[in-house]
Amino acid sequence: MSDGEKLTAKAVGRYIRTSPQKARLIIDQIRGKKVVEALAILHFSPKSAAKDIERVLKSAVANAGQIPDKKVDVEDLVVTEAFIDQGPSMKRIRPAPMGRAFPIIKRTSYITINVSEK
């Protein structure tokens, strides 16, 4: 890796048991922010999906630390790319009155976070 290249690291959380729509509300708050600021936002967020996103972000920071020939300072890292994709959905049936059945769809998410130096 030459001196002119930027350090980038990626982490993906797959099969996370939260709906993508709810997770996107949180991921939109941290996109483009410094990692330290993003971790603070996630830590104090009341949403349950914030814990899963925080875990994936910490993994991306750890992956950045594993790159050889590069000393990484967490203060210099920025969340450059963060998005949520829909994973497979578990489908269940809930019995309803008069012989009917209502579907229950348990959605999952794929969380992808890229961090890089400023």
N, C-alpha and C. Protein backbone atom coordinates (compact mmCIF):
# COMPACT_ATOMS: atom_id res chain seq x y z
N MET A 1 0.85 -1.18 0.00
CA MET A 1 0.00 0.00 0.00
C MET A 1 0.89 1.24 0.00
N SER A 2 0.74 2.09 -1.00
CA SER A 2 1.57 3.28 -1.09
C SER A 2 1.02 4.37 -0.18
N ASP A 3 1.80 5.44 -0.02
CA ASP A 3 1.39 6.50 0.89
C ASP A 3 0.20 7.29 0.38
N GLY A 4 -0.01 7.33 -0.94
CA GLY A 4 -1.10 8.12 -1.51
C GLY A 4 -2.47 7.47 -1.37
N GLU A 5 -2.50 6.15 -1.12
CA GLU A 5 -3.78 5.46 -1.03
C GLU A 5 -4.42 5.67 0.33
N LYS A 6 -5.74 5.76 0.32
CA LYS A 6 -6.49 5.88 1.57
C LYS A 6 -6.75 4.49 2.14
N LEU A 7 -6.72 4.41 3.45
CA LEU A 7 -7.04 3.16 4.12
C LEU A 7 -8.56 3.01 4.18
N THR A 8 -9.07 1.89 3.72
CA THR A 8 -10.50 1.61 3.84
C THR A 8 -10.68 0.23 4.43
N ALA A 9 -11.72 0.08 5.23
CA ALA A 9 -12.05 -1.21 5.82
C ALA A 9 -13.56 -1.38 5.79
N LYS A 10 -13.99 -2.63 5.72
CA LYS A 10 -15.40 -2.93 5.54
C LYS A 10 -15.81 -4.01 6.54
N ALA A 11 -17.06 -3.92 7.00
CA ALA A 11 -17.64 -4.97 7.82
C ALA A 11 -19.09 -5.17 7.41
N VAL A 12 -19.51 -6.43 7.40
CA VAL A 12 -20.88 -6.76 7.01
C VAL A 12 -21.50 -7.62 8.10
N GLY A 13 -22.67 -7.22 8.55
CA GLY A 13 -23.45 -8.03 9.48
C GLY A 13 -24.61 -8.64 8.71
N ARG A 14 -24.69 -9.95 8.71
CA ARG A 14 -25.72 -10.62 7.92
C ARG A 14 -26.72 -11.31 8.84
N TYR A 15 -27.94 -11.44 8.34
CA TYR A 15 -29.04 -12.11 9.04
C TYR A 15 -29.34 -11.44 10.39
N ILE A 16 -29.30 -10.13 10.44
CA ILE A 16 -29.62 -9.39 11.66
C ILE A 16 -31.14 -9.32 11.79
N ARG A 17 -31.67 -9.71 12.95
CA ARG A 17 -33.11 -9.84 13.12
C ARG A 17 -33.77 -8.49 13.43
N THR A 18 -33.77 -7.61 12.48
CA THR A 18 -34.49 -6.35 12.55
C THR A 18 -34.91 -5.99 11.14
N SER A 19 -35.98 -5.24 11.02
CA SER A 19 -36.44 -4.91 9.67
C SER A 19 -35.53 -3.84 9.07
N PRO A 20 -35.28 -3.90 7.76
CA PRO A 20 -34.42 -2.92 7.12
C PRO A 20 -34.96 -1.49 7.25
N GLN A 21 -36.27 -1.34 7.24
CA GLN A 21 -36.86 -0.01 7.33
C GLN A 21 -36.50 0.65 8.66
N LYS A 22 -36.56 -0.10 9.75
CA LYS A 22 -36.23 0.45 11.07
C LYS A 22 -34.73 0.70 11.20
N ALA A 23 -33.91 -0.18 10.62
CA ALA A 23 -32.46 -0.02 10.71
C ALA A 23 -31.97 1.17 9.89
N ARG A 24 -32.65 1.46 8.78
CA ARG A 24 -32.24 2.59 7.94
C ARG A 24 -32.42 3.93 8.64
N LEU A 25 -33.39 4.01 9.56
CA LEU A 25 -33.57 5.25 10.33
C LEU A 25 -32.32 5.59 11.13
N ILE A 26 -31.64 4.58 11.63
CA ILE A 26 -30.45 4.79 12.44
C ILE A 26 -29.21 4.97 11.58
N ILE A 27 -29.10 4.17 10.53
CA ILE A 27 -27.90 4.22 9.69
C ILE A 27 -27.77 5.57 9.00
N ASP A 28 -28.91 6.23 8.73
CA ASP A 28 -28.88 7.55 8.10
C ASP A 28 -28.27 8.60 9.03
N GLN A 29 -28.33 8.38 10.33
CA GLN A 29 -27.78 9.34 11.29
C GLN A 29 -26.27 9.30 11.37
N ILE A 30 -25.64 8.17 11.02
CA ILE A 30 -24.19 8.05 11.20
C ILE A 30 -23.41 8.16 9.90
N ARG A 31 -24.08 8.11 8.76
CA ARG A 31 -23.38 8.15 7.48
C ARG A 31 -22.63 9.47 7.33
N GLY A 32 -21.32 9.42 7.03
CA GLY A 32 -20.51 10.62 6.83
C GLY A 32 -19.91 11.19 8.10
N LYS A 33 -20.23 10.62 9.25
CA LYS A 33 -19.71 11.14 10.52
C LYS A 33 -18.39 10.47 10.88
N LYS A 34 -17.65 11.09 11.80
CA LYS A 34 -16.45 10.46 12.34
C LYS A 34 -16.87 9.24 13.16
N VAL A 35 -15.98 8.26 13.24
CA VAL A 35 -16.31 7.01 13.92
C VAL A 35 -16.62 7.25 15.39
N VAL A 36 -15.85 8.10 16.04
CA VAL A 36 -16.07 8.36 17.46
C VAL A 36 -17.45 8.98 17.69
N GLU A 37 -17.83 9.91 16.83
CA GLU A 37 -19.14 10.55 16.93
C GLU A 37 -20.26 9.54 16.61
N ALA A 38 -20.04 8.70 15.61
CA ALA A 38 -21.04 7.71 15.23
C ALA A 38 -21.26 6.69 16.35
N LEU A 39 -20.18 6.27 17.01
CA LEU A 39 -20.31 5.33 18.13
C LEU A 39 -21.09 5.95 19.28
N ALA A 40 -20.89 7.24 19.53
CA ALA A 40 -21.63 7.93 20.59
C ALA A 40 -23.12 8.00 20.25
N ILE A 41 -23.43 8.30 18.99
CA ILE A 41 -24.83 8.36 18.56
C ILE A 41 -25.50 6.99 18.73
N LEU A 42 -24.80 5.95 18.31
CA LEU A 42 -25.37 4.60 18.39
C LEU A 42 -25.52 4.13 19.84
N HIS A 43 -24.54 4.47 20.68
CA HIS A 43 -24.56 4.01 22.06
C HIS A 43 -25.76 4.58 22.82
N PHE A 44 -26.12 5.83 22.53
CA PHE A 44 -27.19 6.48 23.26
C PHE A 44 -28.53 6.49 22.52
N SER A 45 -28.60 5.79 21.41
CA SER A 45 -29.86 5.71 20.65
C SER A 45 -30.82 4.75 21.34
N PRO A 46 -32.09 5.12 21.47
CA PRO A 46 -33.05 4.23 22.11
C PRO A 46 -33.53 3.08 21.22
N LYS A 47 -33.21 3.11 19.94
CA LYS A 47 -33.66 2.07 19.02
C LYS A 47 -32.88 0.77 19.24
N SER A 48 -33.56 -0.36 19.13
CA SER A 48 -32.90 -1.64 19.40
C SER A 48 -31.93 -2.03 18.29
N ALA A 49 -32.17 -1.57 17.07
CA ALA A 49 -31.27 -1.89 15.96
C ALA A 49 -29.92 -1.19 16.11
N ALA A 50 -29.84 -0.16 16.95
CA ALA A 50 -28.59 0.58 17.13
C ALA A 50 -27.49 -0.30 17.71
N LYS A 51 -27.86 -1.27 18.54
CA LYS A 51 -26.86 -2.17 19.13
C LYS A 51 -26.20 -3.03 18.06
N ASP A 52 -27.01 -3.53 17.12
CA ASP A 52 -26.46 -4.36 16.04
C ASP A 52 -25.57 -3.53 15.11
N ILE A 53 -26.01 -2.31 14.81
CA ILE A 53 -25.22 -1.43 13.94
C ILE A 53 -23.92 -1.03 14.63
N GLU A 54 -23.98 -0.80 15.94
CA GLU A 54 -22.77 -0.46 16.69
C GLU A 54 -21.77 -1.61 16.66
N ARG A 55 -22.26 -2.83 16.75
CA ARG A 55 -21.38 -3.99 16.71
C ARG A 55 -20.69 -4.12 15.35
N VAL A 56 -21.43 -3.85 14.27
CA VAL A 56 -20.84 -3.92 12.93
C VAL A 56 -19.82 -2.79 12.73
N LEU A 57 -20.12 -1.60 13.25
CA LEU A 57 -19.19 -0.47 13.14
C LEU A 57 -17.89 -0.75 13.89
N LYS A 58 -17.99 -1.33 15.08
CA LYS A 58 -16.79 -1.70 15.84
C LYS A 58 -15.97 -2.75 15.09
N SER A 59 -16.66 -3.66 14.40
CA SER A 59 -15.97 -4.66 13.60
C SER A 59 -15.22 -4.02 12.44
N ALA A 60 -15.82 -3.01 11.80
CA ALA A 60 -15.15 -2.32 10.70
C ALA A 60 -13.90 -1.59 11.20
N VAL A 61 -13.99 -1.00 12.39
CA VAL A 61 -12.82 -0.31 12.97
C VAL A 61 -11.72 -1.33 13.29
N ALA A 62 -12.11 -2.48 13.82
CA ALA A 62 -11.13 -3.53 14.11
C ALA A 62 -10.50 -4.06 12.82
N ASN A 63 -11.29 -4.17 11.76
CA ASN A 63 -10.75 -4.62 10.48
C ASN A 63 -9.74 -3.61 9.93
N ALA A 64 -9.97 -2.32 10.19
CA ALA A 64 -9.03 -1.30 9.75
C ALA A 64 -7.71 -1.44 10.50
N GLY A 65 -7.77 -1.86 11.74
CA GLY A 65 -6.56 -2.06 12.53
C GLY A 65 -5.75 -3.27 12.11
N GLN A 66 -6.35 -4.17 11.35
CA GLN A 66 -5.66 -5.40 10.92
C GLN A 66 -4.90 -5.24 9.61
N ILE A 67 -5.02 -4.09 8.96
CA ILE A 67 -4.35 -3.90 7.68
C ILE A 67 -2.85 -3.74 7.93
N PRO A 68 -2.02 -4.57 7.27
CA PRO A 68 -0.59 -4.52 7.52
C PRO A 68 0.06 -3.23 6.99
N ASP A 69 1.17 -2.86 7.58
CA ASP A 69 1.96 -1.69 7.18
C ASP A 69 1.21 -0.38 7.34
N LYS A 70 0.19 -0.34 8.19
CA LYS A 70 -0.58 0.89 8.37
C LYS A 70 -0.91 1.04 9.85
N LYS A 71 -0.60 2.20 10.40
CA LYS A 71 -0.97 2.52 11.78
C LYS A 71 -2.27 3.31 11.72
N VAL A 72 -3.30 2.82 12.38
CA VAL A 72 -4.63 3.43 12.29
C VAL A 72 -4.95 4.14 13.60
N ASP A 73 -5.39 5.38 13.47
CA ASP A 73 -5.90 6.13 14.61
C ASP A 73 -7.41 6.24 14.44
N VAL A 74 -8.14 5.82 15.46
CA VAL A 74 -9.60 5.81 15.38
C VAL A 74 -10.15 7.22 15.18
N GLU A 75 -9.44 8.22 15.67
CA GLU A 75 -9.88 9.61 15.53
C GLU A 75 -9.93 10.04 14.06
N ASP A 76 -9.12 9.42 13.21
CA ASP A 76 -9.04 9.81 11.80
C ASP A 76 -10.04 9.08 10.91
N LEU A 77 -10.70 8.05 11.44
CA LEU A 77 -11.61 7.26 10.62
C LEU A 77 -12.98 7.91 10.48
N VAL A 78 -13.56 7.78 9.29
CA VAL A 78 -14.87 8.35 8.97
C VAL A 78 -15.74 7.25 8.36
N VAL A 79 -17.02 7.26 8.69
CA VAL A 79 -17.96 6.31 8.08
C VAL A 79 -18.27 6.82 6.68
N THR A 80 -17.63 6.22 5.68
CA THR A 80 -17.79 6.70 4.31
C THR A 80 -19.00 6.11 3.62
N GLU A 81 -19.32 4.87 3.96
CA GLU A 81 -20.43 4.20 3.30
C GLU A 81 -21.14 3.34 4.34
N ALA A 82 -22.45 3.48 4.41
CA ALA A 82 -23.25 2.67 5.34
C ALA A 82 -24.62 2.46 4.73
N PHE A 83 -24.99 1.21 4.57
CA PHE A 83 -26.30 0.93 4.00
C PHE A 83 -26.86 -0.38 4.53
N ILE A 84 -28.17 -0.53 4.38
CA ILE A 84 -28.89 -1.70 4.85
C ILE A 84 -29.55 -2.37 3.65
N ASP A 85 -29.32 -3.65 3.50
CA ASP A 85 -30.01 -4.44 2.49
C ASP A 85 -30.95 -5.41 3.18
N GLN A 86 -31.97 -5.85 2.47
CA GLN A 86 -32.89 -6.80 3.06
C GLN A 86 -32.36 -8.21 2.91
N GLY A 87 -32.40 -8.96 4.00
CA GLY A 87 -32.02 -10.36 3.99
C GLY A 87 -33.26 -11.22 3.79
N PRO A 88 -33.12 -12.52 3.98
CA PRO A 88 -34.27 -13.40 3.83
C PRO A 88 -35.28 -13.17 4.96
N SER A 89 -36.54 -13.39 4.65
CA SER A 89 -37.61 -13.22 5.64
C SER A 89 -38.13 -14.59 6.06
N MET A 90 -38.32 -14.74 7.37
CA MET A 90 -38.95 -15.96 7.88
C MET A 90 -40.46 -15.75 7.84
N LYS A 91 -41.17 -16.70 7.29
CA LYS A 91 -42.61 -16.56 7.15
C LYS A 91 -43.31 -17.56 8.06
N ARG A 92 -44.26 -17.05 8.83
CA ARG A 92 -45.04 -17.87 9.74
C ARG A 92 -46.52 -17.58 9.49
N ILE A 93 -47.38 -18.45 10.00
CA ILE A 93 -48.81 -18.27 9.87
C ILE A 93 -49.41 -18.15 11.27
N ARG A 94 -50.25 -17.14 11.46
CA ARG A 94 -50.96 -16.94 12.72
C ARG A 94 -52.42 -17.31 12.52
N PRO A 95 -52.93 -18.23 13.32
CA PRO A 95 -54.34 -18.59 13.17
C PRO A 95 -55.23 -17.39 13.49
N ALA A 96 -56.30 -17.27 12.75
CA ALA A 96 -57.23 -16.16 12.92
C ALA A 96 -58.65 -16.72 13.01
N PRO A 97 -59.60 -15.89 13.40
CA PRO A 97 -60.98 -16.39 13.56
C PRO A 97 -61.58 -16.94 12.26
N MET A 98 -62.51 -17.84 12.41
CA MET A 98 -63.29 -18.40 11.31
C MET A 98 -62.42 -19.13 10.28
N GLY A 99 -61.38 -19.79 10.75
CA GLY A 99 -60.55 -20.61 9.88
C GLY A 99 -59.58 -19.86 9.00
N ARG A 100 -59.46 -18.57 9.21
CA ARG A 100 -58.53 -17.78 8.41
C ARG A 100 -57.11 -17.90 8.97
N ALA A 101 -56.14 -17.39 8.21
CA ALA A 101 -54.75 -17.37 8.66
C ALA A 101 -54.13 -16.04 8.25
N PHE A 102 -53.43 -15.43 9.18
CA PHE A 102 -52.74 -14.17 8.91
C PHE A 102 -51.24 -14.44 8.84
N PRO A 103 -50.54 -13.86 7.85
CA PRO A 103 -49.10 -14.11 7.76
C PRO A 103 -48.32 -13.26 8.77
N ILE A 104 -47.27 -13.85 9.29
CA ILE A 104 -46.29 -13.13 10.11
C ILE A 104 -44.99 -13.17 9.33
N ILE A 105 -44.41 -12.01 9.03
CA ILE A 105 -43.17 -11.95 8.27
C ILE A 105 -42.09 -11.40 9.19
N LYS A 106 -41.11 -12.24 9.51
CA LYS A 106 -40.00 -11.83 10.37
C LYS A 106 -38.83 -11.46 9.47
N ARG A 107 -38.59 -10.17 9.31
CA ARG A 107 -37.61 -9.69 8.35
C ARG A 107 -36.20 -9.69 8.95
N THR A 108 -35.20 -9.85 8.08
CA THR A 108 -33.81 -9.75 8.49
C THR A 108 -33.10 -8.71 7.62
N SER A 109 -31.95 -8.25 8.10
CA SER A 109 -31.21 -7.20 7.42
C SER A 109 -29.76 -7.60 7.23
N TYR A 110 -29.16 -7.05 6.19
CA TYR A 110 -27.72 -7.12 5.99
C TYR A 110 -27.19 -5.71 6.18
N ILE A 111 -26.29 -5.52 7.14
CA ILE A 111 -25.74 -4.20 7.46
C ILE A 111 -24.32 -4.14 6.91
N THR A 112 -24.03 -3.15 6.07
CA THR A 112 -22.70 -2.97 5.49
C THR A 112 -22.18 -1.59 5.87
N ILE A 113 -20.98 -1.55 6.44
CA ILE A 113 -20.36 -0.30 6.84
C ILE A 113 -18.92 -0.26 6.35
N ASN A 114 -18.55 0.81 5.65
CA ASN A 114 -17.18 1.05 5.23
C ASN A 114 -16.64 2.25 6.00
N VAL A 115 -15.41 2.12 6.50
CA VAL A 115 -14.75 3.26 7.14
C VAL A 115 -13.44 3.52 6.41
N SER A 116 -13.05 4.79 6.36
CA SER A 116 -11.77 5.13 5.75
C SER A 116 -11.21 6.37 6.42
N GLU A 117 -9.95 6.65 6.10
CA GLU A 117 -9.31 7.84 6.65
C GLU A 117 -9.86 9.09 5.97
N LYS A 118 -9.73 10.20 6.67
CA LYS A 118 -10.19 11.48 6.09
C LYS A 118 -9.49 11.80 4.81
